[in-house]
Amino acid sequence: MARPRRPLLSHERIVETALALVDAEGLAAVSTRRLAAELGVQGPSLYNHVGTKDELIDALVDSVLGEVDTSMFGELTADNPDWRSALRRWAQSYRIAVAAHPNIVPALASGPGHRRNALRMADAVFGGLVAANWPRREATTVGTLMRYFLTGSSLGSFAAGFPADAEVYGDEYPHLNEAHLLADRQQRIDQVAFEVGLESLLDGLESRYQLLLSSQ
């Protein structure tokens, strides 16, 4: 029998299949047995490519983070310190990448660890901020703050959490008399909330940045 033109398994194929499984059913659905069945192989075959489930989850998260654009931070210098635009563009790219795989968000909370794309992103953000005249300690604070905001805004839809049944609210919750309409408008509501939150955060950072510059 002729050998197949491409190997039955590859790291890329395993990650792609596992990510599709997470997208459809959530992180809890990922197991060696289930993934092997999806790939049409025996469980032990996977260990040549992925050692543990934790390593697989790391690979999935890193695959998603690899879609986030960080090139704008490489453009920042002391003479071109437009860190505000860089943070905005990065945040928007991050939101788009993660929104395509919302079930992966809980795994983002553990930090970069050994994930190469996560470390690359942290390095780009920190390096860009320092290049744009943020002190190193402050750059760490800004990066941390942005991570809190981006992770929190990716956890789920606020609007989608309200039942669409108007009778749920009744007279007991008089100020929620239109809450049943939120679910149908969730995309717009969530997007506007993200943009308002991001701009408010950037406004606060701008004030802090100017204060730091004036104190030097």
N, C-alpha and C. Protein backbone atom coordinates (compact mmCIF):
# COMPACT_ATOMS: atom_id res chain seq x y z
N MET A 1 0.85 -1.20 0.00
CA MET A 1 0.00 0.00 0.00
C MET A 1 0.89 1.25 0.00
N ALA A 2 0.57 2.19 -0.88
CA ALA A 2 1.34 3.42 -0.95
C ALA A 2 1.16 4.25 0.30
N ARG A 3 2.20 4.95 0.70
CA ARG A 3 2.11 5.80 1.89
C ARG A 3 1.28 7.04 1.55
N PRO A 4 0.51 7.53 2.54
CA PRO A 4 -0.27 8.75 2.29
C PRO A 4 0.65 9.92 2.02
N ARG A 5 0.18 10.86 1.24
CA ARG A 5 1.00 12.00 0.87
C ARG A 5 1.32 12.90 2.06
N ARG A 6 0.45 12.92 3.06
CA ARG A 6 0.75 13.70 4.25
C ARG A 6 0.52 12.82 5.47
N PRO A 7 1.25 13.04 6.56
CA PRO A 7 1.07 12.20 7.75
C PRO A 7 -0.36 12.27 8.25
N LEU A 8 -0.79 11.15 8.84
CA LEU A 8 -2.14 11.10 9.38
C LEU A 8 -2.31 12.14 10.47
N LEU A 9 -1.25 12.35 11.25
CA LEU A 9 -1.30 13.32 12.34
C LEU A 9 -0.19 14.36 12.18
N SER A 10 -0.49 15.55 12.62
CA SER A 10 0.50 16.61 12.73
C SER A 10 0.06 17.49 13.89
N HIS A 11 0.98 18.26 14.42
CA HIS A 11 0.63 19.16 15.51
C HIS A 11 -0.44 20.14 15.07
N GLU A 12 -0.30 20.66 13.84
CA GLU A 12 -1.27 21.63 13.33
C GLU A 12 -2.66 21.02 13.21
N ARG A 13 -2.74 19.79 12.73
CA ARG A 13 -4.05 19.15 12.56
C ARG A 13 -4.68 18.86 13.91
N ILE A 14 -3.88 18.45 14.88
CA ILE A 14 -4.40 18.19 16.22
C ILE A 14 -4.97 19.47 16.83
N VAL A 15 -4.21 20.56 16.73
CA VAL A 15 -4.67 21.83 17.29
C VAL A 15 -5.93 22.31 16.59
N GLU A 16 -5.96 22.21 15.27
CA GLU A 16 -7.12 22.64 14.51
C GLU A 16 -8.37 21.85 14.90
N THR A 17 -8.22 20.54 15.05
CA THR A 17 -9.36 19.68 15.41
C THR A 17 -9.81 19.95 16.84
N ALA A 18 -8.84 20.10 17.75
CA ALA A 18 -9.19 20.36 19.15
C ALA A 18 -9.86 21.71 19.31
N LEU A 19 -9.41 22.71 18.57
CA LEU A 19 -10.00 24.04 18.66
C LEU A 19 -11.43 24.02 18.15
N ALA A 20 -11.68 23.27 17.08
CA ALA A 20 -13.05 23.14 16.57
C ALA A 20 -13.94 22.46 17.61
N LEU A 21 -13.38 21.51 18.34
CA LEU A 21 -14.13 20.83 19.39
C LEU A 21 -14.45 21.78 20.53
N VAL A 22 -13.47 22.61 20.92
CA VAL A 22 -13.70 23.60 21.98
C VAL A 22 -14.73 24.62 21.54
N ASP A 23 -14.64 25.07 20.30
CA ASP A 23 -15.61 26.04 19.78
C ASP A 23 -17.03 25.49 19.85
N ALA A 24 -17.18 24.21 19.57
CA ALA A 24 -18.50 23.60 19.52
C ALA A 24 -19.04 23.23 20.89
N GLU A 25 -18.16 22.75 21.79
CA GLU A 25 -18.65 22.16 23.04
C GLU A 25 -17.97 22.68 24.30
N GLY A 26 -16.93 23.48 24.17
CA GLY A 26 -16.26 24.01 25.35
C GLY A 26 -15.02 23.23 25.73
N LEU A 27 -14.23 23.79 26.64
CA LEU A 27 -12.97 23.19 27.06
C LEU A 27 -13.15 21.82 27.69
N ALA A 28 -14.27 21.62 28.38
CA ALA A 28 -14.50 20.35 29.06
C ALA A 28 -14.61 19.18 28.09
N ALA A 29 -14.90 19.47 26.83
CA ALA A 29 -15.08 18.41 25.85
C ALA A 29 -13.75 17.81 25.39
N VAL A 30 -12.65 18.52 25.68
CA VAL A 30 -11.34 18.07 25.20
C VAL A 30 -10.80 16.95 26.10
N SER A 31 -10.55 15.81 25.51
CA SER A 31 -9.89 14.70 26.18
C SER A 31 -9.13 13.92 25.11
N THR A 32 -8.15 13.14 25.56
CA THR A 32 -7.38 12.35 24.60
C THR A 32 -8.28 11.41 23.83
N ARG A 33 -9.18 10.75 24.54
CA ARG A 33 -10.07 9.79 23.89
C ARG A 33 -10.96 10.47 22.86
N ARG A 34 -11.56 11.61 23.25
CA ARG A 34 -12.47 12.29 22.34
C ARG A 34 -11.72 12.83 21.12
N LEU A 35 -10.55 13.40 21.36
CA LEU A 35 -9.79 13.98 20.27
C LEU A 35 -9.31 12.89 19.31
N ALA A 36 -8.89 11.76 19.87
CA ALA A 36 -8.46 10.65 19.02
C ALA A 36 -9.60 10.17 18.14
N ALA A 37 -10.80 10.12 18.72
CA ALA A 37 -11.96 9.70 17.94
C ALA A 37 -12.25 10.69 16.81
N GLU A 38 -12.13 11.98 17.10
CA GLU A 38 -12.37 13.00 16.08
C GLU A 38 -11.36 12.89 14.95
N LEU A 39 -10.14 12.50 15.31
CA LEU A 39 -9.06 12.41 14.32
C LEU A 39 -9.00 11.05 13.64
N GLY A 40 -9.74 10.09 14.19
CA GLY A 40 -9.74 8.75 13.62
C GLY A 40 -8.47 7.97 13.88
N VAL A 41 -7.88 8.18 15.07
CA VAL A 41 -6.64 7.47 15.44
C VAL A 41 -6.80 6.88 16.83
N GLN A 42 -5.80 6.13 17.24
CA GLN A 42 -5.76 5.60 18.59
C GLN A 42 -5.15 6.64 19.54
N GLY A 43 -5.63 6.67 20.77
CA GLY A 43 -5.18 7.65 21.75
C GLY A 43 -3.67 7.78 21.88
N PRO A 44 -2.93 6.68 21.99
CA PRO A 44 -1.48 6.78 22.16
C PRO A 44 -0.77 7.52 21.03
N SER A 45 -1.38 7.54 19.84
CA SER A 45 -0.76 8.23 18.71
C SER A 45 -0.60 9.72 18.97
N LEU A 46 -1.49 10.28 19.80
CA LEU A 46 -1.45 11.71 20.06
C LEU A 46 -0.21 12.12 20.85
N TYR A 47 0.30 11.20 21.68
CA TYR A 47 1.40 11.57 22.56
C TYR A 47 2.70 11.83 21.83
N ASN A 48 2.77 11.47 20.56
CA ASN A 48 3.95 11.81 19.77
C ASN A 48 3.97 13.30 19.43
N HIS A 49 2.81 13.96 19.61
CA HIS A 49 2.68 15.37 19.23
C HIS A 49 2.30 16.26 20.41
N VAL A 50 1.49 15.75 21.33
CA VAL A 50 1.04 16.51 22.50
C VAL A 50 1.18 15.61 23.72
N GLY A 51 1.97 16.06 24.71
CA GLY A 51 2.24 15.23 25.86
C GLY A 51 1.08 15.10 26.84
N THR A 52 0.46 16.21 27.19
CA THR A 52 -0.61 16.22 28.19
C THR A 52 -1.76 17.10 27.72
N LYS A 53 -2.87 17.00 28.41
CA LYS A 53 -4.01 17.86 28.09
C LYS A 53 -3.66 19.32 28.32
N ASP A 54 -2.90 19.60 29.39
CA ASP A 54 -2.50 20.99 29.66
C ASP A 54 -1.67 21.55 28.51
N GLU A 55 -0.79 20.73 27.97
CA GLU A 55 0.02 21.17 26.82
C GLU A 55 -0.87 21.44 25.62
N LEU A 56 -1.89 20.63 25.45
CA LEU A 56 -2.81 20.83 24.33
C LEU A 56 -3.58 22.13 24.49
N ILE A 57 -4.07 22.40 25.71
CA ILE A 57 -4.80 23.64 25.95
C ILE A 57 -3.89 24.84 25.71
N ASP A 58 -2.64 24.73 26.15
CA ASP A 58 -1.68 25.81 25.90
C ASP A 58 -1.53 26.05 24.40
N ALA A 59 -1.47 24.97 23.64
CA ALA A 59 -1.31 25.09 22.18
C ALA A 59 -2.55 25.74 21.56
N LEU A 60 -3.72 25.43 22.07
CA LEU A 60 -4.95 26.02 21.55
C LEU A 60 -4.98 27.53 21.83
N VAL A 61 -4.67 27.90 23.06
CA VAL A 61 -4.65 29.31 23.43
C VAL A 61 -3.62 30.06 22.58
N ASP A 62 -2.44 29.46 22.43
CA ASP A 62 -1.39 30.12 21.68
C ASP A 62 -1.76 30.26 20.20
N SER A 63 -2.51 29.30 19.69
CA SER A 63 -2.97 29.38 18.31
C SER A 63 -3.89 30.58 18.12
N VAL A 64 -4.78 30.80 19.07
CA VAL A 64 -5.71 31.94 19.00
C VAL A 64 -4.94 33.25 19.16
N LEU A 65 -4.03 33.30 20.12
CA LEU A 65 -3.26 34.53 20.35
C LEU A 65 -2.34 34.85 19.17
N GLY A 66 -2.00 33.84 18.40
CA GLY A 66 -1.18 34.07 17.22
C GLY A 66 -1.88 34.90 16.16
N GLU A 67 -3.21 35.03 16.28
CA GLU A 67 -3.98 35.83 15.33
C GLU A 67 -4.03 37.30 15.72
N VAL A 68 -3.55 37.63 16.91
CA VAL A 68 -3.59 39.02 17.40
C VAL A 68 -2.44 39.82 16.80
N ASP A 69 -2.76 40.96 16.25
CA ASP A 69 -1.76 41.83 15.63
C ASP A 69 -1.05 42.67 16.70
N THR A 70 0.25 42.59 16.74
CA THR A 70 1.05 43.42 17.66
C THR A 70 2.06 44.27 16.91
N SER A 71 1.97 44.30 15.59
CA SER A 71 2.97 45.00 14.78
C SER A 71 3.04 46.49 15.10
N MET A 72 1.92 47.06 15.56
CA MET A 72 1.88 48.50 15.82
C MET A 72 2.85 48.93 16.93
N PHE A 73 3.19 48.01 17.82
CA PHE A 73 4.09 48.39 18.91
C PHE A 73 5.53 48.55 18.41
N GLY A 74 5.85 47.87 17.32
CA GLY A 74 7.17 48.02 16.74
C GLY A 74 7.38 49.36 16.08
N GLU A 75 6.30 50.10 15.86
CA GLU A 75 6.38 51.42 15.23
C GLU A 75 6.63 52.54 16.24
N LEU A 76 6.52 52.24 17.53
CA LEU A 76 6.64 53.27 18.56
C LEU A 76 8.09 53.60 18.85
N THR A 77 8.37 54.88 18.97
CA THR A 77 9.70 55.37 19.35
C THR A 77 9.51 56.60 20.24
N ALA A 78 10.62 57.11 20.75
CA ALA A 78 10.55 58.33 21.56
C ALA A 78 10.04 59.50 20.73
N ASP A 79 10.32 59.48 19.43
CA ASP A 79 9.86 60.55 18.54
C ASP A 79 8.47 60.27 17.97
N ASN A 80 8.02 59.05 18.08
CA ASN A 80 6.68 58.66 17.61
C ASN A 80 5.99 57.87 18.71
N PRO A 81 5.66 58.55 19.82
CA PRO A 81 5.13 57.85 21.00
C PRO A 81 3.61 57.70 21.00
N ASP A 82 3.04 57.33 19.87
CA ASP A 82 1.58 57.23 19.79
C ASP A 82 1.10 55.90 20.38
N TRP A 83 1.41 55.70 21.65
CA TRP A 83 1.05 54.46 22.33
C TRP A 83 -0.46 54.29 22.42
N ARG A 84 -1.20 55.41 22.47
CA ARG A 84 -2.65 55.32 22.60
C ARG A 84 -3.27 54.62 21.39
N SER A 85 -2.86 55.02 20.19
CA SER A 85 -3.36 54.37 18.98
C SER A 85 -2.93 52.91 18.94
N ALA A 86 -1.71 52.64 19.39
CA ALA A 86 -1.21 51.27 19.39
C ALA A 86 -2.04 50.38 20.31
N LEU A 87 -2.32 50.86 21.51
CA LEU A 87 -3.13 50.08 22.44
C LEU A 87 -4.54 49.87 21.89
N ARG A 88 -5.09 50.89 21.25
CA ARG A 88 -6.44 50.77 20.69
C ARG A 88 -6.48 49.70 19.59
N ARG A 89 -5.53 49.77 18.67
CA ARG A 89 -5.51 48.83 17.55
C ARG A 89 -5.27 47.40 18.05
N TRP A 90 -4.37 47.28 19.03
CA TRP A 90 -4.10 45.96 19.60
C TRP A 90 -5.34 45.40 20.28
N ALA A 91 -6.01 46.22 21.09
CA ALA A 91 -7.21 45.77 21.80
C ALA A 91 -8.29 45.32 20.82
N GLN A 92 -8.46 46.05 19.76
CA GLN A 92 -9.47 45.69 18.76
C GLN A 92 -9.12 44.38 18.07
N SER A 93 -7.84 44.19 17.76
CA SER A 93 -7.40 42.95 17.13
C SER A 93 -7.57 41.77 18.09
N TYR A 94 -7.24 42.00 19.35
CA TYR A 94 -7.40 40.97 20.37
C TYR A 94 -8.86 40.56 20.49
N ARG A 95 -9.74 41.52 20.52
CA ARG A 95 -11.18 41.24 20.66
C ARG A 95 -11.68 40.40 19.49
N ILE A 96 -11.27 40.74 18.29
CA ILE A 96 -11.71 40.00 17.10
C ILE A 96 -11.21 38.55 17.15
N ALA A 97 -9.93 38.37 17.51
CA ALA A 97 -9.36 37.03 17.56
C ALA A 97 -10.05 36.15 18.60
N VAL A 98 -10.27 36.71 19.78
CA VAL A 98 -10.85 35.92 20.87
C VAL A 98 -12.35 35.72 20.65
N ALA A 99 -13.02 36.69 20.06
CA ALA A 99 -14.46 36.56 19.82
C ALA A 99 -14.77 35.39 18.90
N ALA A 100 -13.81 35.02 18.07
CA ALA A 100 -14.01 33.88 17.17
C ALA A 100 -13.95 32.54 17.91
N HIS A 101 -13.40 32.57 19.13
CA HIS A 101 -13.26 31.34 19.92
C HIS A 101 -13.57 31.63 21.39
N PRO A 102 -14.80 32.04 21.69
CA PRO A 102 -15.12 32.48 23.06
C PRO A 102 -14.94 31.41 24.13
N ASN A 103 -15.05 30.15 23.77
CA ASN A 103 -14.92 29.09 24.78
C ASN A 103 -13.49 28.91 25.28
N ILE A 104 -12.54 29.54 24.60
CA ILE A 104 -11.15 29.40 25.02
C ILE A 104 -10.79 30.42 26.10
N VAL A 105 -11.66 31.40 26.33
CA VAL A 105 -11.34 32.52 27.22
C VAL A 105 -10.94 32.08 28.63
N PRO A 106 -11.63 31.12 29.28
CA PRO A 106 -11.21 30.74 30.63
C PRO A 106 -9.75 30.32 30.71
N ALA A 107 -9.23 29.75 29.66
CA ALA A 107 -7.83 29.30 29.66
C ALA A 107 -6.86 30.45 29.51
N LEU A 108 -7.35 31.62 29.11
CA LEU A 108 -6.48 32.79 28.97
C LEU A 108 -6.08 33.37 30.32
N ALA A 109 -6.90 33.12 31.33
CA ALA A 109 -6.74 33.79 32.62
C ALA A 109 -5.46 33.40 33.35
N SER A 110 -4.84 32.29 32.96
CA SER A 110 -3.67 31.82 33.69
C SER A 110 -2.39 32.56 33.33
N GLY A 111 -2.45 33.45 32.35
CA GLY A 111 -1.26 34.20 31.97
C GLY A 111 -0.47 33.49 30.88
N PRO A 112 0.63 34.09 30.43
CA PRO A 112 1.35 33.55 29.27
C PRO A 112 2.03 32.21 29.49
N GLY A 113 2.55 31.98 30.71
CA GLY A 113 3.25 30.72 30.94
C GLY A 113 4.36 30.53 29.92
N HIS A 114 4.38 29.34 29.28
CA HIS A 114 5.38 29.05 28.26
C HIS A 114 4.82 29.21 26.84
N ARG A 115 3.68 29.83 26.71
CA ARG A 115 3.05 29.99 25.40
C ARG A 115 3.82 31.03 24.59
N ARG A 116 4.35 30.59 23.46
CA ARG A 116 5.26 31.46 22.70
C ARG A 116 4.57 32.71 22.18
N ASN A 117 3.38 32.58 21.62
CA ASN A 117 2.68 33.75 21.09
C ASN A 117 2.25 34.69 22.20
N ALA A 118 1.90 34.14 23.35
CA ALA A 118 1.54 34.97 24.50
C ALA A 118 2.74 35.76 24.99
N LEU A 119 3.90 35.11 25.05
CA LEU A 119 5.12 35.80 25.46
C LEU A 119 5.53 36.83 24.42
N ARG A 120 5.38 36.47 23.15
CA ARG A 120 5.69 37.43 22.08
C ARG A 120 4.83 38.68 22.20
N MET A 121 3.55 38.48 22.50
CA MET A 121 2.64 39.60 22.64
C MET A 121 3.01 40.47 23.84
N ALA A 122 3.29 39.83 24.97
CA ALA A 122 3.68 40.58 26.17
C ALA A 122 4.96 41.37 25.92
N ASP A 123 5.90 40.76 25.22
CA ASP A 123 7.15 41.43 24.91
C ASP A 123 6.92 42.64 24.00
N ALA A 124 6.04 42.48 23.00
CA ALA A 124 5.77 43.57 22.06
C ALA A 124 5.09 44.74 22.76
N VAL A 125 4.10 44.44 23.60
CA VAL A 125 3.37 45.51 24.29
C VAL A 125 4.30 46.26 25.24
N PHE A 126 5.02 45.51 26.06
CA PHE A 126 5.93 46.15 27.02
C PHE A 126 7.02 46.95 26.30
N GLY A 127 7.62 46.35 25.29
CA GLY A 127 8.68 47.03 24.57
C GLY A 127 8.19 48.29 23.88
N GLY A 128 6.99 48.23 23.31
CA GLY A 128 6.43 49.40 22.65
C GLY A 128 6.15 50.53 23.62
N LEU A 129 5.62 50.20 24.77
CA LEU A 129 5.30 51.22 25.76
C LEU A 129 6.57 51.89 26.29
N VAL A 130 7.60 51.10 26.54
CA VAL A 130 8.86 51.66 27.02
C VAL A 130 9.47 52.55 25.93
N ALA A 131 9.39 52.10 24.68
CA ALA A 131 9.90 52.91 23.58
C ALA A 131 9.16 54.24 23.46
N ALA A 132 7.89 54.25 23.89
CA ALA A 132 7.07 55.46 23.81
C ALA A 132 7.16 56.29 25.08
N ASN A 133 8.22 56.06 25.87
CA ASN A 133 8.55 56.89 27.04
C ASN A 133 7.79 56.53 28.31
N TRP A 134 7.10 55.39 28.33
CA TRP A 134 6.54 54.94 29.60
C TRP A 134 7.68 54.35 30.44
N PRO A 135 7.80 54.72 31.72
CA PRO A 135 8.78 54.06 32.58
C PRO A 135 8.47 52.56 32.66
N ARG A 136 9.47 51.76 32.86
CA ARG A 136 9.30 50.29 32.83
C ARG A 136 8.25 49.82 33.83
N ARG A 137 8.29 50.38 35.05
CA ARG A 137 7.31 49.96 36.05
C ARG A 137 5.89 50.32 35.61
N GLU A 138 5.74 51.51 35.04
CA GLU A 138 4.43 51.94 34.58
C GLU A 138 3.97 51.12 33.37
N ALA A 139 4.91 50.76 32.51
CA ALA A 139 4.57 49.94 31.35
C ALA A 139 4.03 48.58 31.79
N THR A 140 4.60 48.04 32.85
CA THR A 140 4.09 46.77 33.40
C THR A 140 2.67 46.95 33.90
N THR A 141 2.42 48.07 34.58
CA THR A 141 1.07 48.35 35.09
C THR A 141 0.07 48.49 33.95
N VAL A 142 0.46 49.20 32.90
CA VAL A 142 -0.44 49.40 31.76
C VAL A 142 -0.75 48.07 31.09
N GLY A 143 0.27 47.25 30.89
CA GLY A 143 0.05 45.94 30.29
C GLY A 143 -0.87 45.08 31.12
N THR A 144 -0.70 45.13 32.43
CA THR A 144 -1.56 44.36 33.33
C THR A 144 -2.99 44.84 33.26
N LEU A 145 -3.17 46.16 33.29
CA LEU A 145 -4.50 46.75 33.22
C LEU A 145 -5.21 46.36 31.92
N MET A 146 -4.49 46.43 30.80
CA MET A 146 -5.08 46.06 29.52
C MET A 146 -5.47 44.59 29.50
N ARG A 147 -4.66 43.75 30.09
CA ARG A 147 -4.98 42.33 30.14
C ARG A 147 -6.26 42.09 30.93
N TYR A 148 -6.41 42.77 32.07
CA TYR A 148 -7.65 42.65 32.85
C TYR A 148 -8.85 43.05 32.01
N PHE A 149 -8.72 44.18 31.32
CA PHE A 149 -9.84 44.69 30.53
C PHE A 149 -10.19 43.74 29.38
N LEU A 150 -9.18 43.29 28.66
CA LEU A 150 -9.43 42.45 27.49
C LEU A 150 -9.97 41.08 27.89
N THR A 151 -9.41 40.51 28.94
CA THR A 151 -9.90 39.20 29.39
C THR A 151 -11.33 39.32 29.90
N GLY A 152 -11.59 40.34 30.72
CA GLY A 152 -12.93 40.52 31.26
C GLY A 152 -13.97 40.77 30.20
N SER A 153 -13.62 41.57 29.19
CA SER A 153 -14.58 41.89 28.14
C SER A 153 -14.83 40.71 27.22
N SER A 154 -13.97 39.70 27.30
CA SER A 154 -14.12 38.52 26.44
C SER A 154 -14.87 37.37 27.12
N LEU A 155 -15.11 37.50 28.42
CA LEU A 155 -15.68 36.38 29.17
C LEU A 155 -17.09 36.00 28.74
N GLY A 156 -17.84 36.95 28.26
CA GLY A 156 -19.20 36.64 27.84
C GLY A 156 -19.95 37.91 27.51
N SER A 157 -21.16 37.73 27.02
CA SER A 157 -21.99 38.87 26.64
C SER A 157 -22.88 39.29 27.80
N PHE A 158 -22.75 40.53 28.22
CA PHE A 158 -23.63 41.06 29.26
C PHE A 158 -25.08 41.05 28.79
N ALA A 159 -25.29 41.54 27.57
CA ALA A 159 -26.65 41.66 27.05
C ALA A 159 -27.32 40.31 26.89
N ALA A 160 -26.54 39.32 26.46
CA ALA A 160 -27.13 37.99 26.21
C ALA A 160 -27.55 37.30 27.49
N GLY A 161 -27.11 37.81 28.62
CA GLY A 161 -27.45 37.16 29.89
C GLY A 161 -28.85 37.46 30.40
N PHE A 162 -29.57 38.35 29.74
CA PHE A 162 -30.91 38.71 30.19
C PHE A 162 -31.96 37.91 29.42
N PRO A 163 -32.88 37.24 30.11
CA PRO A 163 -33.93 36.49 29.43
C PRO A 163 -34.76 37.38 28.50
N ALA A 164 -35.16 36.83 27.38
CA ALA A 164 -35.93 37.59 26.40
C ALA A 164 -37.42 37.62 26.72
N ASP A 165 -37.80 36.98 27.81
CA ASP A 165 -39.20 36.92 28.23
C ASP A 165 -39.52 38.12 29.13
N ALA A 166 -40.37 39.03 28.66
CA ALA A 166 -40.71 40.24 29.40
C ALA A 166 -41.37 39.93 30.74
N GLU A 167 -42.03 38.80 30.85
CA GLU A 167 -42.74 38.45 32.08
C GLU A 167 -41.79 38.14 33.23
N VAL A 168 -40.54 37.85 32.91
CA VAL A 168 -39.56 37.56 33.96
C VAL A 168 -39.38 38.75 34.88
N TYR A 169 -39.51 39.95 34.34
CA TYR A 169 -39.19 41.17 35.08
C TYR A 169 -40.40 41.74 35.79
N GLY A 170 -41.52 41.88 35.09
CA GLY A 170 -42.76 42.33 35.70
C GLY A 170 -42.60 43.58 36.54
N ASP A 171 -43.39 43.65 37.62
CA ASP A 171 -43.37 44.81 38.52
C ASP A 171 -42.23 44.73 39.53
N GLU A 172 -41.64 43.54 39.66
CA GLU A 172 -40.60 43.37 40.68
C GLU A 172 -39.31 44.10 40.32
N TYR A 173 -39.08 44.26 39.00
CA TYR A 173 -37.86 44.93 38.53
C TYR A 173 -38.29 46.05 37.57
N PRO A 174 -38.85 47.12 38.09
CA PRO A 174 -39.44 48.15 37.24
C PRO A 174 -38.44 48.85 36.32
N HIS A 175 -37.18 48.90 36.71
CA HIS A 175 -36.19 49.58 35.88
C HIS A 175 -35.66 48.69 34.76
N LEU A 176 -36.08 47.44 34.77
CA LEU A 176 -35.65 46.50 33.73
C LEU A 176 -36.81 46.19 32.77
N ASN A 177 -37.67 47.17 32.58
CA ASN A 177 -38.86 46.93 31.75
C ASN A 177 -38.54 46.72 30.27
N GLU A 178 -37.30 47.03 29.86
CA GLU A 178 -36.91 46.76 28.47
C GLU A 178 -35.74 45.77 28.39
N ALA A 179 -35.44 45.13 29.50
CA ALA A 179 -34.30 44.21 29.54
C ALA A 179 -34.50 43.02 28.62
N HIS A 180 -35.77 42.67 28.35
CA HIS A 180 -36.03 41.52 27.47
C HIS A 180 -35.58 41.79 26.03
N LEU A 181 -35.29 43.04 25.70
CA LEU A 181 -34.86 43.39 24.35
C LEU A 181 -33.34 43.29 24.18
N LEU A 182 -32.62 43.17 25.29
CA LEU A 182 -31.16 43.21 25.23
C LEU A 182 -30.55 42.07 24.42
N ALA A 183 -31.09 40.86 24.58
CA ALA A 183 -30.50 39.71 23.92
C ALA A 183 -30.47 39.88 22.40
N ASP A 184 -31.52 40.46 21.85
CA ASP A 184 -31.57 40.66 20.39
C ASP A 184 -30.59 41.72 19.92
N ARG A 185 -30.14 42.55 20.85
CA ARG A 185 -29.26 43.66 20.49
C ARG A 185 -27.86 43.48 21.06
N GLN A 186 -27.53 42.25 21.44
CA GLN A 186 -26.30 42.01 22.18
C GLN A 186 -25.04 42.42 21.44
N GLN A 187 -24.96 42.17 20.15
CA GLN A 187 -23.74 42.49 19.42
C GLN A 187 -23.45 43.99 19.45
N ARG A 188 -24.48 44.79 19.21
CA ARG A 188 -24.28 46.24 19.22
C ARG A 188 -23.98 46.73 20.63
N ILE A 189 -24.72 46.23 21.61
CA ILE A 189 -24.53 46.66 23.00
C ILE A 189 -23.13 46.31 23.48
N ASP A 190 -22.71 45.08 23.23
CA ASP A 190 -21.39 44.66 23.68
C ASP A 190 -20.28 45.43 22.99
N GLN A 191 -20.44 45.70 21.69
CA GLN A 191 -19.42 46.42 20.96
C GLN A 191 -19.30 47.86 21.45
N VAL A 192 -20.44 48.51 21.65
CA VAL A 192 -20.42 49.89 22.14
C VAL A 192 -19.81 49.94 23.54
N ALA A 193 -20.18 49.00 24.39
CA ALA A 193 -19.63 48.96 25.74
C ALA A 193 -18.12 48.77 25.71
N PHE A 194 -17.66 47.92 24.82
CA PHE A 194 -16.21 47.69 24.68
C PHE A 194 -15.51 48.98 24.26
N GLU A 195 -16.07 49.66 23.27
CA GLU A 195 -15.44 50.88 22.77
C GLU A 195 -15.45 51.99 23.81
N VAL A 196 -16.57 52.14 24.54
CA VAL A 196 -16.65 53.16 25.59
C VAL A 196 -15.64 52.84 26.71
N GLY A 197 -15.60 51.57 27.10
CA GLY A 197 -14.66 51.17 28.15
C GLY A 197 -13.22 51.38 27.74
N LEU A 198 -12.90 51.03 26.49
CA LEU A 198 -11.54 51.18 26.00
C LEU A 198 -11.13 52.65 25.96
N GLU A 199 -11.98 53.50 25.42
CA GLU A 199 -11.65 54.92 25.33
C GLU A 199 -11.54 55.55 26.71
N SER A 200 -12.39 55.14 27.64
CA SER A 200 -12.32 55.66 29.00
C SER A 200 -11.01 55.25 29.66
N LEU A 201 -10.63 54.01 29.43
CA LEU A 201 -9.37 53.52 29.98
C LEU A 201 -8.19 54.29 29.38
N LEU A 202 -8.22 54.50 28.07
CA LEU A 202 -7.14 55.23 27.41
C LEU A 202 -7.09 56.69 27.86
N ASP A 203 -8.26 57.28 28.13
CA ASP A 203 -8.29 58.65 28.65
C ASP A 203 -7.57 58.73 29.99
N GLY A 204 -7.84 57.75 30.85
CA GLY A 204 -7.20 57.72 32.16
C GLY A 204 -5.69 57.53 32.04
N LEU A 205 -5.27 56.66 31.13
CA LEU A 205 -3.85 56.44 30.92
C LEU A 205 -3.17 57.68 30.33
N GLU A 206 -3.89 58.39 29.47
CA GLU A 206 -3.34 59.62 28.90
C GLU A 206 -3.05 60.64 29.99
N SER A 207 -3.96 60.77 30.94
CA SER A 207 -3.76 61.70 32.06
C SER A 207 -2.56 61.28 32.89
N ARG A 208 -2.43 59.99 33.12
CA ARG A 208 -1.31 59.48 33.91
C ARG A 208 0.00 59.70 33.16
N TYR A 209 0.00 59.46 31.88
CA TYR A 209 1.20 59.63 31.05
C TYR A 209 1.67 61.07 31.07
N GLN A 210 0.75 62.01 30.90
CA GLN A 210 1.13 63.41 30.91
C GLN A 210 1.66 63.83 32.27
N LEU A 211 1.07 63.31 33.32
CA LEU A 211 1.57 63.60 34.67
C LEU A 211 2.99 63.09 34.86
N LEU A 212 3.25 61.88 34.36
CA LEU A 212 4.58 61.32 34.47
C LEU A 212 5.61 62.16 33.70
N LEU A 213 5.21 62.61 32.50
CA LEU A 213 6.13 63.41 31.70
C LEU A 213 6.45 64.75 32.38
N SER A 214 5.43 65.34 33.00
CA SER A 214 5.62 66.64 33.63
C SER A 214 6.46 66.55 34.89
N SER A 215 6.53 65.36 35.47
CA SER A 215 7.30 65.19 36.71
C SER A 215 8.75 64.83 36.47
N GLN A 216 9.10 64.56 35.21
CA GLN A 216 10.47 64.17 34.88
C GLN A 216 11.41 65.39 34.83
